[in-house]
Amino acid sequence: MKLLTLIVHTDVQQDLTRLLRSMNQVSGFTFIHAEGHGEEVESDSFLSARDQVVGYAPRIRTELLLEDTEVDSVLATLCDKDHNIAGQGIYWIIPVEKGGHLL
């Protein structure tokens, strides 16, 4: 199993929701609201005047638990230029030793 973590600007939340719901490999997801701070925030084309004043970029974080064989196809779909998600965030992938439901 792998954990794919995505952090994208909140402006693409609806598009990301639609895209994730359309993927058979993704059984579910939760969005966590986050704030982006750093040099890249100043050049973020999605920032509103208000965001620039407060000094952070509103972001959404989600983590997807995927089978090893599904990671590449999910990532390829997310990076596809036909979707509004491409170029709007960052990701990383880490191995998962164990996971399950708390009973």
PDB file of N, CA and C in Angstrom:
ATOM      1  N   MET A   1       0.847  -1.190   0.000  1.00  0.00           N
ATOM      2  CA  MET A   1       0.000   0.000   0.000  1.00  0.00           C
ATOM      3  C   MET A   1       0.883   1.241   0.000  1.00  0.00           C
ATOM      4  N   LYS A   2       0.345   2.290  -0.602  1.00  0.00           N
ATOM      5  CA  LYS A   2       1.022   3.590  -0.653  1.00  0.00           C
ATOM      6  C   LYS A   2       0.040   4.675  -0.210  1.00  0.00           C
ATOM      7  N   LEU A   3       0.594   5.733   0.362  1.00  0.00           N
ATOM      8  CA  LEU A   3      -0.200   6.887   0.747  1.00  0.00           C
ATOM      9  C   LEU A   3       0.200   8.044  -0.159  1.00  0.00           C
ATOM     10  N   LEU A   4      -0.745   8.490  -0.980  1.00  0.00           N
ATOM     11  CA  LEU A   4      -0.536   9.626  -1.867  1.00  0.00           C
ATOM     12  C   LEU A   4      -1.125  10.848  -1.186  1.00  0.00           C
ATOM     13  N   THR A   5      -0.271  11.811  -0.869  1.00  0.00           N
ATOM     14  CA  THR A   5      -0.711  13.054  -0.229  1.00  0.00           C
ATOM     15  C   THR A   5      -0.721  14.161  -1.264  1.00  0.00           C
ATOM     16  N   LEU A   6      -1.832  14.880  -1.333  1.00  0.00           N
ATOM     17  CA  LEU A   6      -1.991  15.999  -2.265  1.00  0.00           C
ATOM     18  C   LEU A   6      -2.226  17.270  -1.466  1.00  0.00           C
ATOM     19  N   ILE A   7      -1.602  18.356  -1.895  1.00  0.00           N
ATOM     20  CA  ILE A   7      -1.903  19.678  -1.345  1.00  0.00           C
ATOM     21  C   ILE A   7      -2.140  20.594  -2.536  1.00  0.00           C
ATOM     22  N   VAL A   8      -3.372  21.111  -2.633  1.00  0.00           N
ATOM     23  CA  VAL A   8      -3.761  21.958  -3.763  1.00  0.00           C
ATOM     24  C   VAL A   8      -4.441  23.221  -3.251  1.00  0.00           C
ATOM     25  N   HIS A   9      -4.511  24.218  -4.097  1.00  0.00           N
ATOM     26  CA  HIS A   9      -5.200  25.469  -3.749  1.00  0.00           C
ATOM     27  C   HIS A   9      -6.686  25.196  -3.614  1.00  0.00           C
ATOM     28  N   THR A  10      -7.342  25.879  -2.698  1.00  0.00           N
ATOM     29  CA  THR A  10      -8.772  25.650  -2.461  1.00  0.00           C
ATOM     30  C   THR A  10      -9.631  25.960  -3.683  1.00  0.00           C
ATOM     31  N   ASP A  11      -9.137  26.753  -4.610  1.00  0.00           N
ATOM     32  CA  ASP A  11      -9.919  27.077  -5.808  1.00  0.00           C
ATOM     33  C   ASP A  11     -10.201  25.854  -6.678  1.00  0.00           C
ATOM     34  N   VAL A  12      -9.417  24.801  -6.543  1.00  0.00           N
ATOM     35  CA  VAL A  12      -9.646  23.607  -7.361  1.00  0.00           C
ATOM     36  C   VAL A  12     -10.302  22.474  -6.555  1.00  0.00           C
ATOM     37  N   GLN A  13     -10.813  22.786  -5.372  1.00  0.00           N
ATOM     38  CA  GLN A  13     -11.419  21.759  -4.525  1.00  0.00           C
ATOM     39  C   GLN A  13     -12.580  21.047  -5.217  1.00  0.00           C
ATOM     40  N   GLN A  14     -13.471  21.780  -5.835  1.00  0.00           N
ATOM     41  CA  GLN A  14     -14.619  21.153  -6.503  1.00  0.00           C
ATOM     42  C   GLN A  14     -14.172  20.267  -7.665  1.00  0.00           C
ATOM     43  N   ASP A  15     -13.232  20.749  -8.446  1.00  0.00           N
ATOM     44  CA  ASP A  15     -12.721  19.950  -9.565  1.00  0.00           C
ATOM     45  C   ASP A  15     -12.025  18.694  -9.058  1.00  0.00           C
ATOM     46  N   LEU A  16     -11.245  18.827  -7.984  1.00  0.00           N
ATOM     47  CA  LEU A  16     -10.572  17.669  -7.408  1.00  0.00           C
ATOM     48  C   LEU A  16     -11.588  16.680  -6.848  1.00  0.00           C
ATOM     49  N   THR A  17     -12.635  17.172  -6.218  1.00  0.00           N
ATOM     50  CA  THR A  17     -13.684  16.301  -5.693  1.00  0.00           C
ATOM     51  C   THR A  17     -14.313  15.488  -6.808  1.00  0.00           C
ATOM     52  N   ARG A  18     -14.702  16.154  -7.888  1.00  0.00           N
ATOM     53  CA  ARG A  18     -15.311  15.455  -9.027  1.00  0.00           C
ATOM     54  C   ARG A  18     -14.358  14.416  -9.615  1.00  0.00           C
ATOM     55  N   LEU A  19     -13.106  14.799  -9.752  1.00  0.00           N
ATOM     56  CA  LEU A  19     -12.125  13.899 -10.348  1.00  0.00           C
ATOM     57  C   LEU A  19     -11.883  12.672  -9.466  1.00  0.00           C
ATOM     58  N   LEU A  20     -11.707  12.874  -8.168  1.00  0.00           N
ATOM     59  CA  LEU A  20     -11.471  11.744  -7.262  1.00  0.00           C
ATOM     60  C   LEU A  20     -12.680  10.816  -7.201  1.00  0.00           C
ATOM     61  N   ARG A  21     -13.876  11.387  -7.203  1.00  0.00           N
ATOM     62  CA  ARG A  21     -15.086  10.559  -7.176  1.00  0.00           C
ATOM     63  C   ARG A  21     -15.247   9.731  -8.446  1.00  0.00           C
ATOM     64  N   SER A  22     -14.663  10.188  -9.539  1.00  0.00           N
ATOM     65  CA  SER A  22     -14.795   9.462 -10.810  1.00  0.00           C
ATOM     66  C   SER A  22     -13.788   8.317 -10.947  1.00  0.00           C
ATOM     67  N   MET A  23     -12.818   8.238 -10.041  1.00  0.00           N
ATOM     68  CA  MET A  23     -11.770   7.217 -10.139  1.00  0.00           C
ATOM     69  C   MET A  23     -12.154   5.961  -9.369  1.00  0.00           C
ATOM     70  N   ASN A  24     -12.148   4.827 -10.058  1.00  0.00           N
ATOM     71  CA  ASN A  24     -12.450   3.554  -9.412  1.00  0.00           C
ATOM     72  C   ASN A  24     -11.419   3.176  -8.348  1.00  0.00           C
ATOM     73  N   GLN A  25     -10.185   3.638  -8.503  1.00  0.00           N
ATOM     74  CA  GLN A  25      -9.119   3.292  -7.572  1.00  0.00           C
ATOM     75  C   GLN A  25      -9.259   3.996  -6.216  1.00  0.00           C
ATOM     76  N   VAL A  26     -10.027   5.085  -6.173  1.00  0.00           N
ATOM     77  CA  VAL A  26     -10.164   5.884  -4.951  1.00  0.00           C
ATOM     78  C   VAL A  26     -11.473   5.516  -4.271  1.00  0.00           C
ATOM     79  N   SER A  27     -11.364   4.908  -3.095  1.00  0.00           N
ATOM     80  CA  SER A  27     -12.570   4.466  -2.380  1.00  0.00           C
ATOM     81  C   SER A  27     -13.152   5.555  -1.485  1.00  0.00           C
ATOM     82  N   GLY A  28     -12.378   6.556  -1.166  1.00  0.00           N
ATOM     83  CA  GLY A  28     -12.862   7.652  -0.334  1.00  0.00           C
ATOM     84  C   GLY A  28     -11.731   8.613  -0.022  1.00  0.00           C
ATOM     85  N   PHE A  29     -12.100   9.778   0.479  1.00  0.00           N
ATOM     86  CA  PHE A  29     -11.092  10.792   0.807  1.00  0.00           C
ATOM     87  C   PHE A  29     -11.697  11.819   1.751  1.00  0.00           C
ATOM     88  N   THR A  30     -10.837  12.527   2.443  1.00  0.00           N
ATOM     89  CA  THR A  30     -11.232  13.608   3.345  1.00  0.00           C
ATOM     90  C   THR A  30     -10.351  14.802   3.049  1.00  0.00           C
ATOM     91  N   PHE A  31     -10.942  15.976   2.993  1.00  0.00           N
ATOM     92  CA  PHE A  31     -10.156  17.192   2.811  1.00  0.00           C
ATOM     93  C   PHE A  31      -9.837  17.803   4.166  1.00  0.00           C
ATOM     94  N   ILE A  32      -8.617  18.283   4.291  1.00  0.00           N
ATOM     95  CA  ILE A  32      -8.170  18.994   5.484  1.00  0.00           C
ATOM     96  C   ILE A  32      -7.759  20.384   5.018  1.00  0.00           C
ATOM     97  N   HIS A  33      -8.325  21.410   5.630  1.00  0.00           N
ATOM     98  CA  HIS A  33      -7.974  22.776   5.244  1.00  0.00           C
ATOM     99  C   HIS A  33      -6.613  23.144   5.836  1.00  0.00           C
ATOM    100  N   ALA A  34      -5.796  23.790   5.021  1.00  0.00           N
ATOM    101  CA  ALA A  34      -4.437  24.135   5.420  1.00  0.00           C
ATOM    102  C   ALA A  34      -4.091  25.531   4.912  1.00  0.00           C
ATOM    103  N   GLU A  35      -3.012  26.076   5.438  1.00  0.00           N
ATOM    104  CA  GLU A  35      -2.508  27.381   4.999  1.00  0.00           C
ATOM    105  C   GLU A  35      -1.113  27.196   4.436  1.00  0.00           C
ATOM    106  N   GLY A  36      -0.873  27.748   3.257  1.00  0.00           N
ATOM    107  CA  GLY A  36       0.452  27.687   2.657  1.00  0.00           C
ATOM    108  C   GLY A  36       1.219  28.962   2.955  1.00  0.00           C
ATOM    109  N   HIS A  37       2.386  28.812   3.534  1.00  0.00           N
ATOM    110  CA  HIS A  37       3.266  29.947   3.832  1.00  0.00           C
ATOM    111  C   HIS A  37       4.610  29.700   3.164  1.00  0.00           C
ATOM    112  N   GLY A  38       5.232  30.734   2.633  1.00  0.00           N
ATOM    113  CA  GLY A  38       6.546  30.589   2.017  1.00  0.00           C
ATOM    114  C   GLY A  38       6.690  31.486   0.808  1.00  0.00           C
ATOM    115  N   GLU A  39       7.852  31.395   0.196  1.00  0.00           N
ATOM    116  CA  GLU A  39       8.157  32.248  -0.953  1.00  0.00           C
ATOM    117  C   GLU A  39       7.227  31.995  -2.129  1.00  0.00           C
ATOM    118  N   GLU A  40       6.817  30.736  -2.320  1.00  0.00           N
ATOM    119  CA  GLU A  40       5.953  30.412  -3.461  1.00  0.00           C
ATOM    120  C   GLU A  40       4.590  31.077  -3.344  1.00  0.00           C
ATOM    121  N   VAL A  41       4.193  31.453  -2.141  1.00  0.00           N
ATOM    122  CA  VAL A  41       2.887  32.093  -1.934  1.00  0.00           C
ATOM    123  C   VAL A  41       2.832  33.436  -2.654  1.00  0.00           C
ATOM    124  N   GLU A  42       3.935  34.147  -2.675  1.00  0.00           N
ATOM    125  CA  GLU A  42       3.958  35.467  -3.302  1.00  0.00           C
ATOM    126  C   GLU A  42       3.712  35.403  -4.807  1.00  0.00           C
ATOM    127  N   SER A  43       4.071  34.307  -5.449  1.00  0.00           N
ATOM    128  CA  SER A  43       3.905  34.192  -6.900  1.00  0.00           C
ATOM    129  C   SER A  43       2.696  33.342  -7.282  1.00  0.00           C
ATOM    130  N   ASP A  44       1.843  32.995  -6.315  1.00  0.00           N
ATOM    131  CA  ASP A  44       0.675  32.156  -6.559  1.00  0.00           C
ATOM    132  C   ASP A  44      -0.385  32.954  -7.312  1.00  0.00           C
ATOM    133  N   SER A  45      -0.686  32.554  -8.541  1.00  0.00           N
ATOM    134  CA  SER A  45      -1.644  33.300  -9.369  1.00  0.00           C
ATOM    135  C   SER A  45      -3.075  33.171  -8.869  1.00  0.00           C
ATOM    136  N   PHE A  46      -3.361  32.198  -7.995  1.00  0.00           N
ATOM    137  CA  PHE A  46      -4.708  32.015  -7.476  1.00  0.00           C
ATOM    138  C   PHE A  46      -5.012  32.909  -6.274  1.00  0.00           C
ATOM    139  N   LEU A  47      -4.006  33.565  -5.720  1.00  0.00           N
ATOM    140  CA  LEU A  47      -4.234  34.360  -4.522  1.00  0.00           C
ATOM    141  C   LEU A  47      -5.090  35.582  -4.813  1.00  0.00           C
ATOM    142  N   SER A  48      -6.074  35.771  -3.976  1.00  0.00           N
ATOM    143  CA  SER A  48      -6.894  36.980  -4.069  1.00  0.00           C
ATOM    144  C   SER A  48      -6.145  38.112  -3.364  1.00  0.00           C
ATOM    145  N   ALA A  49      -6.644  39.326  -3.528  1.00  0.00           N
ATOM    146  CA  ALA A  49      -6.036  40.472  -2.837  1.00  0.00           C
ATOM    147  C   ALA A  49      -6.064  40.245  -1.328  1.00  0.00           C
ATOM    148  N   ARG A  50      -7.154  39.662  -0.811  1.00  0.00           N
ATOM    149  CA  ARG A  50      -7.259  39.386   0.622  1.00  0.00           C
ATOM    150  C   ARG A  50      -6.194  38.392   1.073  1.00  0.00           C
ATOM    151  N   ASP A  51      -6.009  37.328   0.278  1.00  0.00           N
ATOM    152  CA  ASP A  51      -5.004  36.326   0.620  1.00  0.00           C
ATOM    153  C   ASP A  51      -3.608  36.941   0.652  1.00  0.00           C
ATOM    154  N   GLN A  52      -3.330  37.832  -0.290  1.00  0.00           N
ATOM    155  CA  GLN A  52      -2.021  38.471  -0.328  1.00  0.00           C
ATOM    156  C   GLN A  52      -1.810  39.349   0.902  1.00  0.00           C
ATOM    157  N   VAL A  53      -2.873  39.990   1.369  1.00  0.00           N
ATOM    158  CA  VAL A  53      -2.764  40.844   2.556  1.00  0.00           C
ATOM    159  C   VAL A  53      -2.519  40.008   3.806  1.00  0.00           C
ATOM    160  N   VAL A  54      -3.263  38.914   3.974  1.00  0.00           N
ATOM    161  CA  VAL A  54      -3.085  38.095   5.178  1.00  0.00           C
ATOM    162  C   VAL A  54      -1.810  37.259   5.111  1.00  0.00           C
ATOM    163  N   GLY A  55      -1.249  37.065   3.922  1.00  0.00           N
ATOM    164  CA  GLY A  55       0.056  36.452   3.789  1.00  0.00           C
ATOM    165  C   GLY A  55       0.104  34.946   3.706  1.00  0.00           C
ATOM    166  N   TYR A  56      -0.979  34.303   3.333  1.00  0.00           N
ATOM    167  CA  TYR A  56      -0.934  32.860   3.145  1.00  0.00           C
ATOM    168  C   TYR A  56      -1.876  32.447   2.031  1.00  0.00           C
ATOM    169  N   ALA A  57      -1.617  31.255   1.519  1.00  0.00           N
ATOM    170  CA  ALA A  57      -2.462  30.705   0.464  1.00  0.00           C
ATOM    171  C   ALA A  57      -3.361  29.630   1.068  1.00  0.00           C
ATOM    172  N   PRO A  58      -4.681  29.731   0.872  1.00  0.00           N
ATOM    173  CA  PRO A  58      -5.572  28.688   1.377  1.00  0.00           C
ATOM    174  C   PRO A  58      -5.408  27.418   0.545  1.00  0.00           C
ATOM    175  N   ARG A  59      -5.206  26.314   1.236  1.00  0.00           N
ATOM    176  CA  ARG A  59      -4.946  25.044   0.565  1.00  0.00           C
ATOM    177  C   ARG A  59      -5.848  23.948   1.121  1.00  0.00           C
ATOM    178  N   ILE A  60      -5.937  22.876   0.361  1.00  0.00           N
ATOM    179  CA  ILE A  60      -6.652  21.667   0.759  1.00  0.00           C
ATOM    180  C   ILE A  60      -5.638  20.524   0.733  1.00  0.00           C
ATOM    181  N   ARG A  61      -5.651  19.709   1.778  1.00  0.00           N
ATOM    182  CA  ARG A  61      -4.795  18.522   1.817  1.00  0.00           C
ATOM    183  C   ARG A  61      -5.692  17.294   1.855  1.00  0.00           C
ATOM    184  N   THR A  62      -5.336  16.307   1.085  1.00  0.00           N
ATOM    185  CA  THR A  62      -6.040  15.028   1.130  1.00  0.00           C
ATOM    186  C   THR A  62      -5.023  13.908   0.981  1.00  0.00           C
ATOM    187  N   GLU A  63      -5.333  12.798   1.615  1.00  0.00           N
ATOM    188  CA  GLU A  63      -4.458  11.639   1.542  1.00  0.00           C
ATOM    189  C   GLU A  63      -5.256  10.459   1.010  1.00  0.00           C
ATOM    190  N   LEU A  64      -4.686   9.775   0.042  1.00  0.00           N
ATOM    191  CA  LEU A  64      -5.351   8.643  -0.601  1.00  0.00           C
ATOM    192  C   LEU A  64      -4.551   7.376  -0.340  1.00  0.00           C
ATOM    193  N   LEU A  65      -5.185   6.389   0.266  1.00  0.00           N
ATOM    194  CA  LEU A  65      -4.560   5.098   0.487  1.00  0.00           C
ATOM    195  C   LEU A  65      -4.834   4.240  -0.744  1.00  0.00           C
ATOM    196  N   LEU A  66      -3.766   3.863  -1.439  1.00  0.00           N
ATOM    197  CA  LEU A  66      -3.891   3.178  -2.723  1.00  0.00           C
ATOM    198  C   LEU A  66      -3.056   1.908  -2.763  1.00  0.00           C
ATOM    199  N   GLU A  67      -3.496   0.970  -3.571  1.00  0.00           N
ATOM    200  CA  GLU A  67      -2.684  -0.208  -3.861  1.00  0.00           C
ATOM    201  C   GLU A  67      -1.453   0.250  -4.645  1.00  0.00           C
ATOM    202  N   ASP A  68      -0.342  -0.423  -4.460  1.00  0.00           N
ATOM    203  CA  ASP A  68       0.899  -0.057  -5.152  1.00  0.00           C
ATOM    204  C   ASP A  68       0.695   0.061  -6.661  1.00  0.00           C
ATOM    205  N   THR A  69      -0.097  -0.837  -7.226  1.00  0.00           N
ATOM    206  CA  THR A  69      -0.298  -0.872  -8.673  1.00  0.00           C
ATOM    207  C   THR A  69      -1.192   0.258  -9.179  1.00  0.00           C
ATOM    208  N   GLU A  70      -1.893   0.938  -8.293  1.00  0.00           N
ATOM    209  CA  GLU A  70      -2.830   1.995  -8.698  1.00  0.00           C
ATOM    210  C   GLU A  70      -2.237   3.400  -8.639  1.00  0.00           C
ATOM    211  N   VAL A  71      -1.129   3.561  -7.947  1.00  0.00           N
ATOM    212  CA  VAL A  71      -0.570   4.894  -7.709  1.00  0.00           C
ATOM    213  C   VAL A  71      -0.256   5.620  -9.014  1.00  0.00           C
ATOM    214  N   ASP A  72       0.426   4.970  -9.921  1.00  0.00           N
ATOM    215  CA  ASP A  72       0.838   5.630 -11.163  1.00  0.00           C
ATOM    216  C   ASP A  72      -0.348   6.083 -12.002  1.00  0.00           C
ATOM    217  N   SER A  73      -1.393   5.271 -12.090  1.00  0.00           N
ATOM    218  CA  SER A  73      -2.545   5.666 -12.906  1.00  0.00           C
ATOM    219  C   SER A  73      -3.320   6.812 -12.256  1.00  0.00           C
ATOM    220  N   VAL A  74      -3.452   6.805 -10.930  1.00  0.00           N
ATOM    221  CA  VAL A  74      -4.132   7.915 -10.240  1.00  0.00           C
ATOM    222  C   VAL A  74      -3.335   9.194 -10.418  1.00  0.00           C
ATOM    223  N   LEU A  75      -2.033   9.116 -10.237  1.00  0.00           N
ATOM    224  CA  LEU A  75      -1.177  10.292 -10.390  1.00  0.00           C
ATOM    225  C   LEU A  75      -1.203  10.815 -11.823  1.00  0.00           C
ATOM    226  N   ALA A  76      -1.196   9.923 -12.794  1.00  0.00           N
ATOM    227  CA  ALA A  76      -1.257  10.342 -14.202  1.00  0.00           C
ATOM    228  C   ALA A  76      -2.563  11.075 -14.492  1.00  0.00           C
ATOM    229  N   THR A  77      -3.663  10.603 -13.928  1.00  0.00           N
ATOM    230  CA  THR A  77      -4.950  11.276 -14.120  1.00  0.00           C
ATOM    231  C   THR A  77      -4.932  12.660 -13.489  1.00  0.00           C
ATOM    232  N   LEU A  78      -4.387  12.770 -12.290  1.00  0.00           N
ATOM    233  CA  LEU A  78      -4.324  14.066 -11.607  1.00  0.00           C
ATOM    234  C   LEU A  78      -3.447  15.072 -12.351  1.00  0.00           C
ATOM    235  N   CYS A  79      -2.388  14.570 -12.997  1.00  0.00           N
ATOM    236  CA  CYS A  79      -1.456  15.450 -13.718  1.00  0.00           C
ATOM    237  C   CYS A  79      -1.866  15.707 -15.160  1.00  0.00           C
ATOM    238  N   ASP A  80      -2.931  15.066 -15.622  1.00  0.00           N
ATOM    239  CA  ASP A  80      -3.404  15.235 -16.996  1.00  0.00           C
ATOM    240  C   ASP A  80      -3.817  16.686 -17.222  1.00  0.00           C
ATOM    241  N   LYS A  81      -3.307  17.274 -18.280  1.00  0.00           N
ATOM    242  CA  LYS A  81      -3.586  18.689 -18.592  1.00  0.00           C
ATOM    243  C   LYS A  81      -5.052  18.958 -18.919  1.00  0.00           C
ATOM    244  N   ASP A  82      -5.843  17.906 -19.149  1.00  0.00           N
ATOM    245  CA  ASP A  82      -7.266  18.086 -19.430  1.00  0.00           C
ATOM    246  C   ASP A  82      -8.072  18.436 -18.181  1.00  0.00           C
ATOM    247  N   HIS A  83      -7.444  18.305 -17.009  1.00  0.00           N
ATOM    248  CA  HIS A  83      -8.117  18.616 -15.748  1.00  0.00           C
ATOM    249  C   HIS A  83      -7.538  19.897 -15.152  1.00  0.00           C
ATOM    250  N   ASN A  84      -8.343  20.602 -14.383  1.00  0.00           N
ATOM    251  CA  ASN A  84      -7.892  21.850 -13.764  1.00  0.00           C
ATOM    252  C   ASN A  84      -6.929  21.626 -12.600  1.00  0.00           C
ATOM    253  N   ILE A  85      -6.672  20.398 -12.239  1.00  0.00           N
ATOM    254  CA  ILE A  85      -5.810  20.089 -11.101  1.00  0.00           C
ATOM    255  C   ILE A  85      -4.334  20.231 -11.475  1.00  0.00           C
ATOM    256  N   ALA A  86      -3.996  19.890 -12.696  1.00  0.00           N
ATOM    257  CA  ALA A  86      -2.601  19.909 -13.141  1.00  0.00           C
ATOM    258  C   ALA A  86      -1.975  21.277 -12.899  1.00  0.00           C
ATOM    259  N   GLY A  87      -0.816  21.275 -12.255  1.00  0.00           N
ATOM    260  CA  GLY A  87      -0.083  22.503 -12.002  1.00  0.00           C
ATOM    261  C   GLY A  87      -0.579  23.299 -10.809  1.00  0.00           C
ATOM    262  N   GLN A  88      -1.537  22.782 -10.052  1.00  0.00           N
ATOM    263  CA  GLN A  88      -2.146  23.550  -8.966  1.00  0.00           C
ATOM    264  C   GLN A  88      -1.750  23.082  -7.575  1.00  0.00           C
ATOM    265  N   GLY A  89      -0.727  22.248  -7.471  1.00  0.00           N
ATOM    266  CA  GLY A  89      -0.356  21.793  -6.146  1.00  0.00           C
ATOM    267  C   GLY A  89       0.871  20.917  -6.154  1.00  0.00           C
ATOM    268  N   ILE A  90       1.067  20.240  -5.033  1.00  0.00           N
ATOM    269  CA  ILE A  90       2.201  19.340  -4.874  1.00  0.00           C
ATOM    270  C   ILE A  90       1.698  17.996  -4.350  1.00  0.00           C
ATOM    271  N   TYR A  91       2.554  16.989  -4.419  1.00  0.00           N
ATOM    272  CA  TYR A  91       2.193  15.673  -3.908  1.00  0.00           C
ATOM    273  C   TYR A  91       3.440  14.971  -3.409  1.00  0.00           C
ATOM    274  N   TRP A  92       3.252  13.948  -2.603  1.00  0.00           N
ATOM    275  CA  TRP A  92       4.298  13.008  -2.257  1.00  0.00           C
ATOM    276  C   TRP A  92       3.671  11.655  -1.975  1.00  0.00           C
ATOM    277  N   ILE A  93       4.490  10.625  -2.076  1.00  0.00           N
ATOM    278  CA  ILE A  93       4.036   9.253  -1.905  1.00  0.00           C
ATOM    279  C   ILE A  93       4.937   8.584  -0.877  1.00  0.00           C
ATOM    280  N   ILE A  94       4.313   7.910   0.086  1.00  0.00           N
ATOM    281  CA  ILE A  94       5.090   7.176   1.084  1.00  0.00           C
ATOM    282  C   ILE A  94       4.514   5.762   1.220  1.00  0.00           C
ATOM    283  N   PRO A  95       5.361   4.801   1.580  1.00  0.00           N
ATOM    284  CA  PRO A  95       4.863   3.445   1.784  1.00  0.00           C
ATOM    285  C   PRO A  95       4.067   3.358   3.092  1.00  0.00           C
ATOM    286  N   VAL A  96       3.100   2.454   3.122  1.00  0.00           N
ATOM    287  CA  VAL A  96       2.294   2.224   4.318  1.00  0.00           C
ATOM    288  C   VAL A  96       2.537   0.793   4.767  1.00  0.00           C
ATOM    289  N   GLU A  97       2.989   0.647   5.997  1.00  0.00           N
ATOM    290  CA  GLU A  97       3.259  -0.700   6.534  1.00  0.00           C
ATOM    291  C   GLU A  97       1.983  -1.430   6.900  1.00  0.00           C
ATOM    292  N   LYS A  98       1.053  -0.707   7.476  1.00  0.00           N
ATOM    293  CA  LYS A  98      -0.138  -1.347   7.995  1.00  0.00           C
ATOM    294  C   LYS A  98      -1.263  -0.324   8.032  1.00  0.00           C
ATOM    295  N   GLY A  99      -2.482  -0.779   7.860  1.00  0.00           N
ATOM    296  CA  GLY A  99      -3.642   0.099   7.940  1.00  0.00           C
ATOM    297  C   GLY A  99      -4.898  -0.714   8.137  1.00  0.00           C
ATOM    298  N   GLY A 100      -5.946  -0.080   8.567  1.00  0.00           N
ATOM    299  CA  GLY A 100      -7.199  -0.784   8.769  1.00  0.00           C
ATOM    300  C   GLY A 100      -8.188   0.070   9.540  1.00  0.00           C
ATOM    301  N   HIS A 101      -9.288  -0.537   9.893  1.00  0.00           N
ATOM    302  CA  HIS A 101     -10.331   0.160  10.647  1.00  0.00           C
ATOM    303  C   HIS A 101     -10.149  -0.096  12.135  1.00  0.00           C
ATOM    304  N   LEU A 102     -10.437   0.901  12.943  1.00  0.00           N
ATOM    305  CA  LEU A 102     -10.428   0.739  14.386  1.00  0.00           C
ATOM    306  C   LEU A 102     -11.744   0.102  14.799  1.00  0.00           C
ATOM    307  N   LEU A 103     -11.689  -1.052  15.367  1.00  0.00           N
ATOM    308  CA  LEU A 103     -12.906  -1.768  15.748  1.00  0.00           C
ATOM    309  C   LEU A 103     -13.071  -1.781  17.239  1.00  0.00           C
TER     310      LEU A 103
END
